[in-house]
Amino acid sequence: MTAFPIDNVRELFPALKRTYNGMSAVYLDGPGGSQVVKTAIEAMVSYMSNGGANLHGQFPSSRETEDYIAQARSIVGDLVGAEENEVAFGQNSTSLAFSISRALSKQWQEEDEIVVTEIDHRANVDPWLTAARDNNLNVRWLKVDTETLSLDLTDLEEQLMKKRNSSRLH
């Protein structure tokens, strides 16, 4: 078996060359500031250097911007097995999750409930807690099994299928 070429992968990320007090810098939290691969940095510099533009204009840089976005949607769609029109871009994961929770919550009924997990990043939990609070809905949590450090799924079906009289989110 061949070892994974981790050194080759690290070379693709310029920020990983950074040092602090003579030691390699370490980046532990991705959602708030993932490190960017060099080819993406170069593509952004090229786009910005050539004059980006707003969408739906009749000038070349506007059409180029629309083409870049369409290409990106296609590539991401291929990566995750989605259609181009199912791919959305936004400021960050938290903002997009808030948009989705707000849109979905417009159809919720008073007796609906939300299930979130203790293992999810706050970018995925807080939008649902906020929507539940705003709609006065119950929230239930899937717990983490402290022995395996994974979700405890022993009562998953009950959590998903049975509405309980749990305390309201305040």
Protein backbone atom coordinates (compact mmCIF):
# COMPACT_ATOMS: atom_id res chain seq x y z
CA MET A 1 0.00 0.00 0.00
CA THR A 2 1.27 3.45 -0.92
CA ALA A 3 1.31 6.13 1.76
CA PHE A 4 -0.89 9.17 1.20
CA PRO A 5 1.27 12.02 -0.19
CA ILE A 6 0.50 14.45 2.63
CA ASP A 7 3.61 16.55 1.97
CA ASN A 8 2.49 17.07 -1.64
CA VAL A 9 -0.95 18.16 -0.44
CA ARG A 10 0.51 20.55 2.13
CA GLU A 11 2.59 22.19 -0.60
CA LEU A 12 -0.67 23.26 -2.28
CA PHE A 13 -1.62 25.49 0.68
CA PRO A 14 0.65 28.55 1.06
CA ALA A 15 -0.57 29.31 4.60
CA LEU A 16 0.85 26.01 5.82
CA LYS A 17 4.34 27.39 5.23
CA ARG A 18 3.77 30.01 7.94
CA THR A 19 5.74 29.75 11.16
CA TYR A 20 5.21 31.19 14.60
CA ASN A 21 8.03 31.29 17.15
CA GLY A 22 10.06 29.09 14.85
CA MET A 23 7.41 26.35 14.58
CA SER A 24 4.91 25.53 11.85
CA ALA A 25 1.57 27.26 12.34
CA VAL A 26 -1.41 25.01 12.98
CA TYR A 27 -4.96 25.80 11.84
CA LEU A 28 -7.61 23.90 13.77
CA ASP A 29 -10.99 25.45 12.98
CA GLY A 30 -12.08 25.34 9.35
CA PRO A 31 -15.60 26.88 9.20
CA GLY A 32 -14.48 30.37 10.17
CA GLY A 33 -11.41 30.50 7.98
CA SER A 34 -10.44 27.48 5.94
CA GLN A 35 -7.04 27.69 4.32
CA VAL A 36 -7.09 28.22 0.56
CA VAL A 37 -5.28 26.17 -2.06
CA LYS A 38 -2.77 28.14 -4.17
CA THR A 39 -4.61 27.61 -7.47
CA ALA A 40 -7.77 29.13 -5.97
CA ILE A 41 -5.80 32.13 -4.71
CA GLU A 42 -4.30 32.59 -8.17
CA ALA A 43 -7.74 32.34 -9.82
CA MET A 44 -9.18 34.97 -7.44
CA VAL A 45 -6.25 37.33 -8.04
CA SER A 46 -6.63 36.89 -11.80
CA TYR A 47 -10.38 37.59 -11.66
CA MET A 48 -9.97 40.64 -9.46
CA SER A 49 -7.01 41.95 -11.47
CA ASN A 50 -9.02 41.80 -14.70
CA GLY A 51 -11.98 43.71 -13.31
CA GLY A 52 -14.83 41.79 -11.76
CA ALA A 53 -18.35 43.01 -12.32
CA ASN A 54 -21.92 42.71 -11.16
CA LEU A 55 -24.20 40.13 -12.72
CA HIS A 56 -26.65 40.62 -15.60
CA GLY A 57 -24.76 43.46 -17.27
CA GLN A 58 -24.08 43.65 -20.99
CA PHE A 59 -20.35 44.28 -20.69
CA PRO A 60 -17.69 41.56 -21.03
CA SER A 61 -16.62 41.44 -17.37
CA SER A 62 -20.25 40.94 -16.30
CA ARG A 63 -20.72 38.03 -18.69
CA GLU A 64 -17.39 36.57 -17.56
CA THR A 65 -18.53 36.76 -13.93
CA GLU A 66 -21.71 34.87 -14.79
CA ASP A 67 -19.65 32.25 -16.67
CA TYR A 68 -17.31 31.79 -13.68
CA ILE A 69 -20.25 31.28 -11.35
CA ALA A 70 -21.91 28.80 -13.74
CA GLN A 71 -18.64 26.86 -14.05
CA ALA A 72 -18.21 26.80 -10.28
CA ARG A 73 -21.79 25.52 -9.78
CA SER A 74 -21.17 22.78 -12.32
CA ILE A 75 -17.89 21.72 -10.70
CA VAL A 76 -19.34 21.73 -7.18
CA GLY A 77 -22.41 19.88 -8.44
CA ASP A 78 -20.18 17.17 -9.92
CA LEU A 79 -18.23 16.97 -6.66
CA VAL A 80 -21.28 16.49 -4.42
CA GLY A 81 -23.64 14.74 -6.86
CA ALA A 82 -26.03 17.68 -7.31
CA GLU A 83 -27.48 19.56 -10.24
CA GLU A 84 -26.06 23.02 -10.98
CA ASN A 85 -29.29 24.70 -9.90
CA GLU A 86 -29.05 22.96 -6.52
CA VAL A 87 -25.73 24.64 -5.67
CA ALA A 88 -25.82 27.89 -3.70
CA PHE A 89 -22.95 30.15 -2.78
CA GLY A 90 -22.96 32.59 0.12
CA GLN A 91 -20.84 34.41 2.65
CA ASN A 92 -20.24 31.35 4.84
CA SER A 93 -21.84 28.17 6.11
CA THR A 94 -23.58 29.87 9.03
CA SER A 95 -25.24 32.50 6.83
CA LEU A 96 -26.44 29.87 4.38
CA ALA A 97 -27.82 27.67 7.16
CA PHE A 98 -29.68 30.67 8.60
CA SER A 99 -31.20 31.34 5.16
CA ILE A 100 -32.31 27.72 4.83
CA SER A 101 -33.74 27.56 8.35
CA ARG A 102 -35.63 30.83 7.82
CA ALA A 103 -37.08 29.63 4.52
CA LEU A 104 -38.15 26.25 5.90
CA SER A 105 -39.53 27.67 9.14
CA LYS A 106 -42.19 29.63 7.23
CA GLN A 107 -44.05 26.34 6.74
CA TRP A 108 -43.67 24.94 10.25
CA GLN A 109 -46.65 24.27 12.46
CA GLU A 110 -46.84 24.83 16.22
CA GLU A 111 -46.61 21.09 16.94
CA ASP A 112 -43.46 20.60 14.82
CA GLU A 113 -40.17 19.83 16.53
CA ILE A 114 -36.50 20.06 15.62
CA VAL A 115 -33.76 17.51 16.27
CA VAL A 116 -30.15 18.70 16.37
CA THR A 117 -26.98 16.94 17.44
CA GLU A 118 -24.35 17.69 20.06
CA ILE A 119 -21.64 16.84 17.56
CA ASP A 120 -22.55 19.39 14.88
CA HIS A 121 -20.66 22.64 14.49
CA ARG A 122 -22.46 25.70 15.82
CA ALA A 123 -22.81 26.91 12.22
CA ASN A 124 -25.37 24.13 11.75
CA VAL A 125 -26.96 24.17 15.22
CA ASP A 126 -27.56 27.86 15.95
CA PRO A 127 -29.71 28.57 12.88
CA TRP A 128 -32.09 25.75 13.86
CA LEU A 129 -32.18 26.79 17.52
CA THR A 130 -32.98 30.35 16.48
CA ALA A 131 -35.74 29.21 14.11
CA ALA A 132 -37.17 26.98 16.84
CA ARG A 133 -37.12 29.84 19.35
CA ASP A 134 -38.74 32.23 16.87
CA ASN A 135 -41.49 29.69 16.16
CA ASN A 136 -41.85 28.45 19.76
CA LEU A 137 -40.96 24.88 18.81
CA ASN A 138 -39.49 22.04 20.86
CA VAL A 139 -35.87 21.14 20.26
CA ARG A 140 -34.49 17.69 20.98
CA TRP A 141 -30.84 16.72 20.98
CA LEU A 142 -29.06 13.62 19.75
CA LYS A 143 -26.40 13.09 22.40
CA VAL A 144 -22.77 12.14 21.99
CA ASP A 145 -21.66 8.77 23.30
CA THR A 146 -18.70 9.76 25.47
CA GLU A 147 -17.12 6.31 25.13
CA THR A 148 -17.03 6.25 21.31
CA LEU A 149 -17.09 10.02 20.74
CA SER A 150 -19.81 9.53 18.14
CA LEU A 151 -23.53 10.14 18.10
CA ASP A 152 -25.57 7.90 20.38
CA LEU A 153 -28.15 6.58 17.93
CA THR A 154 -29.89 4.18 20.30
CA ASP A 155 -33.01 6.38 20.44
CA LEU A 156 -32.73 7.93 16.96
CA GLU A 157 -36.04 6.55 15.74
CA GLU A 158 -37.81 7.79 18.88
CA GLN A 159 -36.25 11.23 18.49
CA LEU A 160 -37.32 11.47 14.85
CA MET A 161 -40.76 9.88 15.08
CA LYS A 162 -42.25 10.62 18.48
CA LYS A 163 -43.26 14.08 19.55
CA ARG A 164 -42.66 14.50 23.24
CA ASN A 165 -43.63 17.08 25.77
CA SER A 166 -40.09 18.35 26.21
CA SER A 167 -39.42 21.81 27.54
CA ARG A 168 -39.74 24.70 25.13
CA LEU A 169 -36.61 26.47 23.99
CA HIS A 170 -36.30 29.83 25.74
